[in-house]
């Protein structure tokens, strides 16, 4: 399966099944996609209310793996006790994710290829 198909499949599986049914590479893709979608549509609060604290560390690691070091750093210190209160730290994290700061679709593909030992 090429990287594009893997990405699409991981997102589809994540939506059909629960997160624990995904392997580590699928979760990397799914968590990034979920963060992007939530931030674009509803804000980081929505993502954190569903995935924090259980998946916050893995989400940060996913962003780290694709080169989004600043997003990873902010995700690790996201004030989940301040959800839905307009906390500036959450606003900053949301801006970083909606701006896709430090990564791109191509960097996700490259990270997958490194992790899976594949090309294309």
PDB file of N, CA and C in Angstrom:
ATOM      1  N   UNK A   1       0.856  -1.176   0.000  1.00  0.00           N
ATOM      2  CA  UNK A   1       0.000   0.000   0.000  1.00  0.00           C
ATOM      3  C   UNK A   1       0.899   1.235   0.000  1.00  0.00           C
ATOM      4  N   UNK A   2       0.662   2.145  -0.922  1.00  0.00           N
ATOM      5  CA  UNK A   2       1.484   3.353  -0.948  1.00  0.00           C
ATOM      6  C   UNK A   2       1.060   4.300   0.182  1.00  0.00           C
ATOM      7  N   UNK A   3       1.853   5.326   0.401  1.00  0.00           N
ATOM      8  CA  UNK A   3       1.620   6.232   1.530  1.00  0.00           C
ATOM      9  C   UNK A   3       0.287   6.960   1.446  1.00  0.00           C
ATOM     10  N   UNK A   4      -0.100   7.383   0.260  1.00  0.00           N
ATOM     11  CA  UNK A   4      -1.380   8.080   0.114  1.00  0.00           C
ATOM     12  C   UNK A   4      -2.550   7.167   0.487  1.00  0.00           C
ATOM     13  N   UNK A   5      -2.499   5.940   0.010  1.00  0.00           N
ATOM     14  CA  UNK A   5      -3.548   4.974   0.348  1.00  0.00           C
ATOM     15  C   UNK A   5      -3.537   4.670   1.841  1.00  0.00           C
ATOM     16  N   UNK A   6      -2.342   4.560   2.423  1.00  0.00           N
ATOM     17  CA  UNK A   6      -2.222   4.292   3.855  1.00  0.00           C
ATOM     18  C   UNK A   6      -2.857   5.424   4.663  1.00  0.00           C
ATOM     19  N   UNK A   7      -2.573   6.665   4.269  1.00  0.00           N
ATOM     20  CA  UNK A   7      -3.129   7.831   4.967  1.00  0.00           C
ATOM     21  C   UNK A   7      -4.651   7.801   4.897  1.00  0.00           C
ATOM     22  N   UNK A   8      -5.193   7.609   3.721  1.00  0.00           N
ATOM     23  CA  UNK A   8      -6.652   7.562   3.565  1.00  0.00           C
ATOM     24  C   UNK A   8      -7.267   6.425   4.366  1.00  0.00           C
ATOM     25  N   UNK A   9      -6.628   5.260   4.325  1.00  0.00           N
ATOM     26  CA  UNK A   9      -7.127   4.111   5.059  1.00  0.00           C
ATOM     27  C   UNK A   9      -7.089   4.346   6.566  1.00  0.00           C
ATOM     28  N   UNK A  10      -6.014   4.938   7.058  1.00  0.00           N
ATOM     29  CA  UNK A  10      -5.884   5.196   8.497  1.00  0.00           C
ATOM     30  C   UNK A  10      -6.986   6.132   8.982  1.00  0.00           C
ATOM     31  N   UNK A  11      -7.267   7.164   8.212  1.00  0.00           N
ATOM     32  CA  UNK A  11      -8.316   8.111   8.599  1.00  0.00           C
ATOM     33  C   UNK A  11      -9.678   7.426   8.564  1.00  0.00           C
ATOM     34  N   UNK A  12      -9.939   6.668   7.509  1.00  0.00           N
ATOM     35  CA  UNK A  12     -11.208   5.941   7.419  1.00  0.00           C
ATOM     36  C   UNK A  12     -11.378   4.957   8.572  1.00  0.00           C
ATOM     37  N   UNK A  13     -10.337   4.172   8.855  1.00  0.00           N
ATOM     38  CA  UNK A  13     -10.414   3.196   9.955  1.00  0.00           C
ATOM     39  C   UNK A  13     -10.622   3.886  11.296  1.00  0.00           C
ATOM     40  N   UNK A  14      -9.943   4.992  11.479  1.00  0.00           N
ATOM     41  CA  UNK A  14     -10.096   5.725  12.733  1.00  0.00           C
ATOM     42  C   UNK A  14     -11.512   6.212  12.947  1.00  0.00           C
ATOM     43  N   UNK A  15     -12.174   6.599  11.876  1.00  0.00           N
ATOM     44  CA  UNK A  15     -13.556   7.057  11.987  1.00  0.00           C
ATOM     45  C   UNK A  15     -14.533   5.891  12.141  1.00  0.00           C
ATOM     46  N   UNK A  16     -14.235   4.769  11.514  1.00  0.00           N
ATOM     47  CA  UNK A  16     -15.120   3.598  11.593  1.00  0.00           C
ATOM     48  C   UNK A  16     -14.974   2.851  12.917  1.00  0.00           C
ATOM     49  N   UNK A  17     -13.757   2.731  13.383  1.00  0.00           N
ATOM     50  CA  UNK A  17     -13.450   1.954  14.579  1.00  0.00           C
ATOM     51  C   UNK A  17     -12.935   2.900  15.654  1.00  0.00           C
ATOM     52  N   UNK A  18     -12.672   2.379  16.809  1.00  0.00           N
ATOM     53  CA  UNK A  18     -12.089   3.249  17.831  1.00  0.00           C
ATOM     54  C   UNK A  18     -10.575   3.322  17.681  1.00  0.00           C
ATOM     55  N   UNK A  19      -9.987   4.256  18.346  1.00  0.00           N
ATOM     56  CA  UNK A  19      -8.563   4.542  18.221  1.00  0.00           C
ATOM     57  C   UNK A  19      -7.684   3.342  18.584  1.00  0.00           C
ATOM     58  N   UNK A  20      -8.085   2.578  19.560  1.00  0.00           N
ATOM     59  CA  UNK A  20      -7.242   1.470  19.993  1.00  0.00           C
ATOM     60  C   UNK A  20      -7.125   0.374  18.941  1.00  0.00           C
ATOM     61  N   UNK A  21      -7.970   0.395  17.924  1.00  0.00           N
ATOM     62  CA  UNK A  21      -7.868  -0.593  16.855  1.00  0.00           C
ATOM     63  C   UNK A  21      -6.792  -0.226  15.832  1.00  0.00           C
ATOM     64  N   UNK A  22      -6.243   0.975  15.935  1.00  0.00           N
ATOM     65  CA  UNK A  22      -5.221   1.442  14.995  1.00  0.00           C
ATOM     66  C   UNK A  22      -3.828   1.110  15.508  1.00  0.00           C
ATOM     67  N   UNK A  23      -2.908   0.825  14.576  1.00  0.00           N
ATOM     68  CA  UNK A  23      -1.520   0.645  14.997  1.00  0.00           C
ATOM     69  C   UNK A  23      -0.865   2.020  15.146  1.00  0.00           C
ATOM     70  N   UNK A  24       0.366   2.055  15.578  1.00  0.00           N
ATOM     71  CA  UNK A  24       1.042   3.320  15.877  1.00  0.00           C
ATOM     72  C   UNK A  24       1.130   4.240  14.656  1.00  0.00           C
ATOM     73  N   UNK A  25       1.418   3.691  13.481  1.00  0.00           N
ATOM     74  CA  UNK A  25       1.511   4.515  12.273  1.00  0.00           C
ATOM     75  C   UNK A  25       0.144   5.066  11.881  1.00  0.00           C
ATOM     76  N   UNK A  26      -0.880   4.248  12.000  1.00  0.00           N
ATOM     77  CA  UNK A  26      -2.236   4.711  11.698  1.00  0.00           C
ATOM     78  C   UNK A  26      -2.672   5.787  12.679  1.00  0.00           C
ATOM     79  N   UNK A  27      -2.336   5.610  13.951  1.00  0.00           N
ATOM     80  CA  UNK A  27      -2.698   6.622  14.952  1.00  0.00           C
ATOM     81  C   UNK A  27      -1.989   7.927  14.686  1.00  0.00           C
ATOM     82  N   UNK A  28      -0.727   7.873  14.240  1.00  0.00           N
ATOM     83  CA  UNK A  28       0.003   9.105  13.923  1.00  0.00           C
ATOM     84  C   UNK A  28      -0.788   9.914  12.895  1.00  0.00           C
ATOM     85  N   UNK A  29      -1.192   9.253  11.836  1.00  0.00           N
ATOM     86  CA  UNK A  29      -1.945   9.915  10.772  1.00  0.00           C
ATOM     87  C   UNK A  29      -3.302  10.392  11.285  1.00  0.00           C
ATOM     88  N   UNK A  30      -4.007   9.510  11.960  1.00  0.00           N
ATOM     89  CA  UNK A  30      -5.354   9.826  12.410  1.00  0.00           C
ATOM     90  C   UNK A  30      -5.368  10.989  13.399  1.00  0.00           C
ATOM     91  N   UNK A  31      -4.462  10.995  14.362  1.00  0.00           N
ATOM     92  CA  UNK A  31      -4.439  12.070  15.359  1.00  0.00           C
ATOM     93  C   UNK A  31      -4.130  13.424  14.720  1.00  0.00           C
ATOM     94  N   UNK A  32      -3.212  13.444  13.777  1.00  0.00           N
ATOM     95  CA  UNK A  32      -2.918  14.698  13.088  1.00  0.00           C
ATOM     96  C   UNK A  32      -4.139  15.155  12.294  1.00  0.00           C
ATOM     97  N   UNK A  33      -4.760  14.236  11.571  1.00  0.00           N
ATOM     98  CA  UNK A  33      -5.945  14.589  10.773  1.00  0.00           C
ATOM     99  C   UNK A  33      -7.084  15.083  11.668  1.00  0.00           C
ATOM    100  N   UNK A  34      -7.293  14.430  12.788  1.00  0.00           N
ATOM    101  CA  UNK A  34      -8.343  14.846  13.717  1.00  0.00           C
ATOM    102  C   UNK A  34      -8.057  16.231  14.294  1.00  0.00           C
ATOM    103  N   UNK A  35      -6.807  16.467  14.665  1.00  0.00           N
ATOM    104  CA  UNK A  35      -6.442  17.784  15.203  1.00  0.00           C
ATOM    105  C   UNK A  35      -6.676  18.864  14.150  1.00  0.00           C
ATOM    106  N   UNK A  36      -6.264  18.595  12.920  1.00  0.00           N
ATOM    107  CA  UNK A  36      -6.472  19.563  11.840  1.00  0.00           C
ATOM    108  C   UNK A  36      -7.965  19.852  11.639  1.00  0.00           C
ATOM    109  N   UNK A  37      -8.752  18.804  11.521  1.00  0.00           N
ATOM    110  CA  UNK A  37     -10.185  18.984  11.269  1.00  0.00           C
ATOM    111  C   UNK A  37     -10.866  19.718  12.416  1.00  0.00           C
ATOM    112  N   UNK A  38     -10.572  19.313  13.647  1.00  0.00           N
ATOM    113  CA  UNK A  38     -11.195  19.979  14.789  1.00  0.00           C
ATOM    114  C   UNK A  38     -10.778  21.435  14.880  1.00  0.00           C
ATOM    115  N   UNK A  39      -9.497  21.711  14.682  1.00  0.00           N
ATOM    116  CA  UNK A  39      -9.034  23.093  14.770  1.00  0.00           C
ATOM    117  C   UNK A  39      -9.638  23.946  13.665  1.00  0.00           C
ATOM    118  N   UNK A  40      -9.736  23.387  12.463  1.00  0.00           N
ATOM    119  CA  UNK A  40     -10.321  24.125  11.345  1.00  0.00           C
ATOM    120  C   UNK A  40     -11.806  24.417  11.569  1.00  0.00           C
ATOM    121  N   UNK A  41     -12.513  23.459  12.138  1.00  0.00           N
ATOM    122  CA  UNK A  41     -13.969  23.588  12.236  1.00  0.00           C
ATOM    123  C   UNK A  41     -14.466  24.116  13.582  1.00  0.00           C
ATOM    124  N   UNK A  42     -13.905  23.613  14.674  1.00  0.00           N
ATOM    125  CA  UNK A  42     -14.459  23.921  16.000  1.00  0.00           C
ATOM    126  C   UNK A  42     -13.450  24.458  16.999  1.00  0.00           C
ATOM    127  N   UNK A  43     -12.183  24.351  16.695  1.00  0.00           N
ATOM    128  CA  UNK A  43     -11.154  24.795  17.627  1.00  0.00           C
ATOM    129  C   UNK A  43     -10.516  23.641  18.374  1.00  0.00           C
ATOM    130  N   UNK A  44      -9.345  23.914  18.905  1.00  0.00           N
ATOM    131  CA  UNK A  44      -8.567  22.896  19.616  1.00  0.00           C
ATOM    132  C   UNK A  44      -9.324  22.344  20.818  1.00  0.00           C
ATOM    133  N   UNK A  45     -10.215  23.143  21.389  1.00  0.00           N
ATOM    134  CA  UNK A  45     -11.001  22.674  22.537  1.00  0.00           C
ATOM    135  C   UNK A  45     -11.751  21.391  22.196  1.00  0.00           C
ATOM    136  N   UNK A  46     -12.278  21.342  20.993  1.00  0.00           N
ATOM    137  CA  UNK A  46     -13.034  20.170  20.560  1.00  0.00           C
ATOM    138  C   UNK A  46     -12.139  18.931  20.514  1.00  0.00           C
ATOM    139  N   UNK A  47     -10.960  19.087  19.946  1.00  0.00           N
ATOM    140  CA  UNK A  47     -10.014  17.968  19.879  1.00  0.00           C
ATOM    141  C   UNK A  47      -9.619  17.515  21.277  1.00  0.00           C
ATOM    142  N   UNK A  48      -9.233  18.452  22.118  1.00  0.00           N
ATOM    143  CA  UNK A  48      -8.772  18.099  23.460  1.00  0.00           C
ATOM    144  C   UNK A  48      -9.884  17.496  24.310  1.00  0.00           C
ATOM    145  N   UNK A  49     -11.105  17.951  24.121  1.00  0.00           N
ATOM    146  CA  UNK A  49     -12.191  17.392  24.931  1.00  0.00           C
ATOM    147  C   UNK A  49     -12.434  15.919  24.594  1.00  0.00           C
ATOM    148  N   UNK A  50     -12.099  15.501  23.369  1.00  0.00           N
ATOM    149  CA  UNK A  50     -12.269  14.105  22.994  1.00  0.00           C
ATOM    150  C   UNK A  50     -11.036  13.254  23.261  1.00  0.00           C
ATOM    151  N   UNK A  51      -9.842  13.836  23.146  1.00  0.00           N
ATOM    152  CA  UNK A  51      -8.622  13.023  23.154  1.00  0.00           C
ATOM    153  C   UNK A  51      -7.686  13.261  24.334  1.00  0.00           C
ATOM    154  N   UNK A  52      -7.883  14.325  25.095  1.00  0.00           N
ATOM    155  CA  UNK A  52      -7.016  14.576  26.250  1.00  0.00           C
ATOM    156  C   UNK A  52      -7.639  13.937  27.482  1.00  0.00           C
ATOM    157  N   UNK A  53      -6.874  13.487  28.393  1.00  0.00           N
ATOM    158  CA  UNK A  53      -5.417  13.432  28.388  1.00  0.00           C
ATOM    159  C   UNK A  53      -4.853  12.153  27.773  1.00  0.00           C
ATOM    160  N   UNK A  54      -5.695  11.187  27.474  1.00  0.00           N
ATOM    161  CA  UNK A  54      -5.222   9.865  27.042  1.00  0.00           C
ATOM    162  C   UNK A  54      -4.332   9.886  25.804  1.00  0.00           C
ATOM    163  N   UNK A  55      -4.626  10.744  24.851  1.00  0.00           N
ATOM    164  CA  UNK A  55      -3.912  10.718  23.575  1.00  0.00           C
ATOM    165  C   UNK A  55      -3.071  11.975  23.332  1.00  0.00           C
ATOM    166  N   UNK A  56      -2.958  12.851  24.311  1.00  0.00           N
ATOM    167  CA  UNK A  56      -2.211  14.100  24.128  1.00  0.00           C
ATOM    168  C   UNK A  56      -0.733  13.842  23.858  1.00  0.00           C
ATOM    169  N   UNK A  57      -0.136  12.974  24.629  1.00  0.00           N
ATOM    170  CA  UNK A  57       1.283  12.681  24.456  1.00  0.00           C
ATOM    171  C   UNK A  57       1.554  12.058  23.087  1.00  0.00           C
ATOM    172  N   UNK A  58       0.712  11.132  22.678  1.00  0.00           N
ATOM    173  CA  UNK A  58       0.908  10.499  21.374  1.00  0.00           C
ATOM    174  C   UNK A  58       0.649  11.485  20.234  1.00  0.00           C
ATOM    175  N   UNK A  59      -0.288  12.404  20.429  1.00  0.00           N
ATOM    176  CA  UNK A  59      -0.529  13.435  19.417  1.00  0.00           C
ATOM    177  C   UNK A  59       0.698  14.334  19.289  1.00  0.00           C
ATOM    178  N   UNK A  60       1.275  14.712  20.414  1.00  0.00           N
ATOM    179  CA  UNK A  60       2.493  15.527  20.387  1.00  0.00           C
ATOM    180  C   UNK A  60       3.612  14.777  19.669  1.00  0.00           C
ATOM    181  N   UNK A  61       3.757  13.497  19.947  1.00  0.00           N
ATOM    182  CA  UNK A  61       4.786  12.695  19.283  1.00  0.00           C
ATOM    183  C   UNK A  61       4.518  12.595  17.780  1.00  0.00           C
ATOM    184  N   UNK A  62       3.250  12.521  17.394  1.00  0.00           N
ATOM    185  CA  UNK A  62       2.900  12.467  15.974  1.00  0.00           C
ATOM    186  C   UNK A  62       3.332  13.748  15.271  1.00  0.00           C
ATOM    187  N   UNK A  63       3.040  14.881  15.883  1.00  0.00           N
ATOM    188  CA  UNK A  63       3.461  16.148  15.286  1.00  0.00           C
ATOM    189  C   UNK A  63       4.978  16.258  15.253  1.00  0.00           C
ATOM    190  N   UNK A  64       5.631  15.798  16.303  1.00  0.00           N
ATOM    191  CA  UNK A  64       7.096  15.774  16.320  1.00  0.00           C
ATOM    192  C   UNK A  64       7.643  14.953  15.152  1.00  0.00           C
ATOM    193  N   UNK A  65       7.052  13.797  14.914  1.00  0.00           N
ATOM    194  CA  UNK A  65       7.529  12.886  13.869  1.00  0.00           C
ATOM    195  C   UNK A  65       7.460  13.480  12.477  1.00  0.00           C
ATOM    196  N   UNK A  66       6.541  14.425  12.269  1.00  0.00           N
ATOM    197  CA  UNK A  66       6.404  15.024  10.937  1.00  0.00           C
ATOM    198  C   UNK A  66       7.088  16.387  10.839  1.00  0.00           C
ATOM    199  N   UNK A  67       7.808  16.771  11.883  1.00  0.00           N
ATOM    200  CA  UNK A  67       8.578  18.014  11.853  1.00  0.00           C
ATOM    201  C   UNK A  67       7.907  19.220  12.469  1.00  0.00           C
ATOM    202  N   UNK A  68       6.734  19.045  13.043  1.00  0.00           N
ATOM    203  CA  UNK A  68       6.001  20.157  13.648  1.00  0.00           C
ATOM    204  C   UNK A  68       6.378  20.288  15.121  1.00  0.00           C
ATOM    205  N   UNK A  69       7.627  20.655  15.339  1.00  0.00           N
ATOM    206  CA  UNK A  69       8.200  20.698  16.689  1.00  0.00           C
ATOM    207  C   UNK A  69       7.471  21.692  17.585  1.00  0.00           C
ATOM    208  N   UNK A  70       7.119  22.836  17.044  1.00  0.00           N
ATOM    209  CA  UNK A  70       6.444  23.860  17.844  1.00  0.00           C
ATOM    210  C   UNK A  70       5.044  23.409  18.260  1.00  0.00           C
ATOM    211  N   UNK A  71       4.333  22.761  17.352  1.00  0.00           N
ATOM    212  CA  UNK A  71       3.011  22.221  17.690  1.00  0.00           C
ATOM    213  C   UNK A  71       3.163  21.149  18.762  1.00  0.00           C
ATOM    214  N   UNK A  72       4.138  20.263  18.597  1.00  0.00           N
ATOM    215  CA  UNK A  72       4.365  19.199  19.577  1.00  0.00           C
ATOM    216  C   UNK A  72       4.628  19.782  20.960  1.00  0.00           C
ATOM    217  N   UNK A  73       5.448  20.803  21.008  1.00  0.00           N
ATOM    218  CA  UNK A  73       5.771  21.436  22.294  1.00  0.00           C
ATOM    219  C   UNK A  73       4.513  22.016  22.942  1.00  0.00           C
ATOM    220  N   UNK A  74       3.732  22.727  22.174  1.00  0.00           N
ATOM    221  CA  UNK A  74       2.515  23.330  22.717  1.00  0.00           C
ATOM    222  C   UNK A  74       1.481  22.281  23.103  1.00  0.00           C
ATOM    223  N   UNK A  75       1.403  21.193  22.336  1.00  0.00           N
ATOM    224  CA  UNK A  75       0.465  20.125  22.653  1.00  0.00           C
ATOM    225  C   UNK A  75       0.814  19.487  23.994  1.00  0.00           C
ATOM    226  N   UNK A  76       2.099  19.350  24.267  1.00  0.00           N
ATOM    227  CA  UNK A  76       2.530  18.724  25.529  1.00  0.00           C
ATOM    228  C   UNK A  76       2.162  19.562  26.747  1.00  0.00           C
ATOM    229  N   UNK A  77       2.034  20.868  26.554  1.00  0.00           N
ATOM    230  CA  UNK A  77       1.726  21.735  27.700  1.00  0.00           C
ATOM    231  C   UNK A  77       0.331  22.351  27.607  1.00  0.00           C
ATOM    232  N   UNK A  78      -0.494  21.805  26.716  1.00  0.00           N
ATOM    233  CA  UNK A  78      -1.855  22.336  26.539  1.00  0.00           C
ATOM    234  C   UNK A  78      -2.609  22.281  27.860  1.00  0.00           C
ATOM    235  N   UNK A  79      -3.180  23.398  28.261  1.00  0.00           N
ATOM    236  CA  UNK A  79      -3.892  23.466  29.542  1.00  0.00           C
ATOM    237  C   UNK A  79      -5.301  22.884  29.432  1.00  0.00           C
ATOM    238  N   UNK A  80      -5.411  21.571  29.539  1.00  0.00           N
ATOM    239  CA  UNK A  80      -6.713  20.934  29.361  1.00  0.00           C
ATOM    240  C   UNK A  80      -7.706  21.317  30.454  1.00  0.00           C
ATOM    241  N   UNK A  81      -7.215  21.855  31.540  1.00  0.00           N
ATOM    242  CA  UNK A  81      -8.128  22.319  32.573  1.00  0.00           C
ATOM    243  C   UNK A  81      -8.768  23.654  32.196  1.00  0.00           C
ATOM    244  N   UNK A  82      -8.306  24.247  31.084  1.00  0.00           N
ATOM    245  CA  UNK A  82      -8.817  25.549  30.651  1.00  0.00           C
ATOM    246  C   UNK A  82      -9.665  25.436  29.388  1.00  0.00           C
ATOM    247  N   UNK A  83     -10.155  24.246  29.098  1.00  0.00           N
ATOM    248  CA  UNK A  83     -10.957  24.065  27.891  1.00  0.00           C
ATOM    249  C   UNK A  83     -12.177  24.974  27.901  1.00  0.00           C
ATOM    250  N   UNK A  84     -12.491  25.495  26.738  1.00  0.00           N
ATOM    251  CA  UNK A  84     -13.675  26.318  26.501  1.00  0.00           C
ATOM    252  C   UNK A  84     -13.669  27.636  27.263  1.00  0.00           C
ATOM    253  N   UNK A  85     -12.502  28.089  27.690  1.00  0.00           N
ATOM    254  CA  UNK A  85     -12.442  29.357  28.418  1.00  0.00           C
ATOM    255  C   UNK A  85     -11.696  30.445  27.662  1.00  0.00           C
ATOM    256  N   UNK A  86     -11.245  30.143  26.448  1.00  0.00           N
ATOM    257  CA  UNK A  86     -10.553  31.152  25.671  1.00  0.00           C
ATOM    258  C   UNK A  86      -9.120  31.386  26.122  1.00  0.00           C
ATOM    259  N   UNK A  87      -8.489  30.408  26.705  1.00  0.00           N
ATOM    260  CA  UNK A  87      -7.114  30.520  27.168  1.00  0.00           C
ATOM    261  C   UNK A  87      -6.189  30.815  25.989  1.00  0.00           C
ATOM    262  N   UNK A  88      -5.315  31.781  26.136  1.00  0.00           N
ATOM    263  CA  UNK A  88      -4.397  32.179  25.075  1.00  0.00           C
ATOM    264  C   UNK A  88      -3.481  31.069  24.614  1.00  0.00           C
ATOM    265  N   UNK A  89      -3.115  30.178  25.514  1.00  0.00           N
ATOM    266  CA  UNK A  89      -2.250  29.061  25.122  1.00  0.00           C
ATOM    267  C   UNK A  89      -2.971  28.128  24.160  1.00  0.00           C
ATOM    268  N   UNK A  90      -4.261  27.929  24.392  1.00  0.00           N
ATOM    269  CA  UNK A  90      -5.037  27.087  23.480  1.00  0.00           C
ATOM    270  C   UNK A  90      -5.230  27.785  22.138  1.00  0.00           C
ATOM    271  N   UNK A  91      -5.433  29.085  22.179  1.00  0.00           N
ATOM    272  CA  UNK A  91      -5.575  29.841  20.929  1.00  0.00           C
ATOM    273  C   UNK A  91      -4.302  29.742  20.101  1.00  0.00           C
ATOM    274  N   UNK A  92      -3.161  29.820  20.749  1.00  0.00           N
ATOM    275  CA  UNK A  92      -1.873  29.698  20.045  1.00  0.00           C
ATOM    276  C   UNK A  92      -1.733  28.321  19.407  1.00  0.00           C
ATOM    277  N   UNK A  93      -2.053  27.281  20.155  1.00  0.00           N
ATOM    278  CA  UNK A  93      -1.976  25.926  19.623  1.00  0.00           C
ATOM    279  C   UNK A  93      -2.914  25.773  18.428  1.00  0.00           C
ATOM    280  N   UNK A  94      -4.108  26.304  18.542  1.00  0.00           N
ATOM    281  CA  UNK A  94      -5.063  26.235  17.444  1.00  0.00           C
ATOM    282  C   UNK A  94      -4.511  26.935  16.198  1.00  0.00           C
ATOM    283  N   UNK A  95      -3.915  28.097  16.377  1.00  0.00           N
ATOM    284  CA  UNK A  95      -3.335  28.831  15.247  1.00  0.00           C
ATOM    285  C   UNK A  95      -2.198  28.053  14.593  1.00  0.00           C
ATOM    286  N   UNK A  96      -1.370  27.415  15.387  1.00  0.00           N
ATOM    287  CA  UNK A  96      -0.267  26.624  14.844  1.00  0.00           C
ATOM    288  C   UNK A  96      -0.786  25.465  13.993  1.00  0.00           C
ATOM    289  N   UNK A  97      -1.823  24.806  14.494  1.00  0.00           N
ATOM    290  CA  UNK A  97      -2.357  23.656  13.767  1.00  0.00           C
ATOM    291  C   UNK A  97      -3.107  24.104  12.514  1.00  0.00           C
ATOM    292  N   UNK A  98      -3.933  25.123  12.615  1.00  0.00           N
ATOM    293  CA  UNK A  98      -4.659  25.571  11.418  1.00  0.00           C
ATOM    294  C   UNK A  98      -3.703  26.117  10.366  1.00  0.00           C
ATOM    295  N   UNK A  99      -2.569  26.648  10.795  1.00  0.00           N
ATOM    296  CA  UNK A  99      -1.561  27.142   9.864  1.00  0.00           C
ATOM    297  C   UNK A  99      -0.626  26.055   9.357  1.00  0.00           C
ATOM    298  N   UNK A 100      -0.788  24.831   9.885  1.00  0.00           N
ATOM    299  CA  UNK A 100       0.073  23.706   9.500  1.00  0.00           C
ATOM    300  C   UNK A 100       1.550  24.092   9.640  1.00  0.00           C
ATOM    301  N   UNK A 101       1.872  24.729  10.767  1.00  0.00           N
ATOM    302  CA  UNK A 101       3.210  25.254  11.004  1.00  0.00           C
ATOM    303  C   UNK A 101       4.200  24.112  11.255  1.00  0.00           C
ATOM    304  N   UNK A 102       5.222  24.039  10.416  1.00  0.00           N
ATOM    305  CA  UNK A 102       6.301  23.080  10.592  1.00  0.00           C
ATOM    306  C   UNK A 102       6.122  21.763   9.863  1.00  0.00           C
ATOM    307  N   UNK A 103       5.009  21.593   9.180  1.00  0.00           N
ATOM    308  CA  UNK A 103       4.788  20.321   8.478  1.00  0.00           C
ATOM    309  C   UNK A 103       3.837  20.529   7.310  1.00  0.00           C
ATOM    310  N   UNK A 104       3.747  19.497   6.492  1.00  0.00           N
ATOM    311  CA  UNK A 104       2.853  19.504   5.336  1.00  0.00           C
ATOM    312  C   UNK A 104       2.395  18.073   5.081  1.00  0.00           C
ATOM    313  N   UNK A 105       1.527  17.915   4.138  1.00  0.00           N
ATOM    314  CA  UNK A 105       1.100  16.565   3.752  1.00  0.00           C
ATOM    315  C   UNK A 105       2.321  15.744   3.338  1.00  0.00           C
ATOM    316  N   UNK A 106       3.218  16.372   2.606  1.00  0.00           N
ATOM    317  CA  UNK A 106       4.424  15.669   2.141  1.00  0.00           C
ATOM    318  C   UNK A 106       5.282  15.212   3.321  1.00  0.00           C
ATOM    319  N   UNK A 107       5.391  16.013   4.359  1.00  0.00           N
ATOM    320  CA  UNK A 107       6.198  15.592   5.508  1.00  0.00           C
ATOM    321  C   UNK A 107       5.534  14.437   6.258  1.00  0.00           C
ATOM    322  N   UNK A 108       4.210  14.360   6.218  1.00  0.00           N
ATOM    323  CA  UNK A 108       3.516  13.210   6.804  1.00  0.00           C
ATOM    324  C   UNK A 108       3.845  11.960   5.994  1.00  0.00           C
ATOM    325  N   UNK A 109       3.778  12.082   4.682  1.00  0.00           N
ATOM    326  CA  UNK A 109       4.124  10.954   3.805  1.00  0.00           C
ATOM    327  C   UNK A 109       5.559  10.488   4.060  1.00  0.00           C
ATOM    328  N   UNK A 110       6.483  11.428   4.148  1.00  0.00           N
ATOM    329  CA  UNK A 110       7.888  11.081   4.367  1.00  0.00           C
ATOM    330  C   UNK A 110       8.085  10.404   5.713  1.00  0.00           C
ATOM    331  N   UNK A 111       7.412  10.888   6.741  1.00  0.00           N
ATOM    332  CA  UNK A 111       7.521  10.260   8.067  1.00  0.00           C
ATOM    333  C   UNK A 111       6.992   8.827   8.025  1.00  0.00           C
ATOM    334  N   UNK A 112       5.891   8.640   7.338  1.00  0.00           N
ATOM    335  CA  UNK A 112       5.352   7.281   7.190  1.00  0.00           C
ATOM    336  C   UNK A 112       6.327   6.377   6.464  1.00  0.00           C
ATOM    337  N   UNK A 113       6.912   6.861   5.395  1.00  0.00           N
ATOM    338  CA  UNK A 113       7.856   6.068   4.632  1.00  0.00           C
ATOM    339  C   UNK A 113       9.083   5.696   5.459  1.00  0.00           C
ATOM    340  N   UNK A 114       9.548   6.614   6.286  1.00  0.00           N
ATOM    341  CA  UNK A 114      10.675   6.309   7.185  1.00  0.00           C
ATOM    342  C   UNK A 114      10.275   5.242   8.189  1.00  0.00           C
ATOM    343  N   UNK A 115       9.124   5.432   8.799  1.00  0.00           N
ATOM    344  CA  UNK A 115       8.665   4.513   9.838  1.00  0.00           C
ATOM    345  C   UNK A 115       8.346   3.128   9.284  1.00  0.00           C
ATOM    346  N   UNK A 116       7.779   3.089   8.096  1.00  0.00           N
ATOM    347  CA  UNK A 116       7.355   1.821   7.500  1.00  0.00           C
ATOM    348  C   UNK A 116       8.421   1.219   6.610  1.00  0.00           C
ATOM    349  N   UNK A 117       9.504   1.962   6.338  1.00  0.00           N
ATOM    350  CA  UNK A 117      10.560   1.453   5.490  1.00  0.00           C
ATOM    351  C   UNK A 117      10.136   1.262   4.045  1.00  0.00           C
ATOM    352  N   UNK A 118       9.258   2.177   3.594  1.00  0.00           N
ATOM    353  CA  UNK A 118       8.742   2.084   2.234  1.00  0.00           C
ATOM    354  C   UNK A 118       9.016   3.389   1.482  1.00  0.00           C
ATOM    355  N   UNK A 119       8.788   3.380   0.207  1.00  0.00           N
ATOM    356  CA  UNK A 119       8.866   4.586  -0.603  1.00  0.00           C
ATOM    357  C   UNK A 119       7.668   4.601  -1.539  1.00  0.00           C
ATOM    358  N   UNK A 120       7.128   5.820  -1.742  1.00  0.00           N
ATOM    359  CA  UNK A 120       6.010   5.980  -2.681  1.00  0.00           C
ATOM    360  C   UNK A 120       4.765   5.660  -2.053  1.00  0.00           C
TER     361      UNK A 120
END
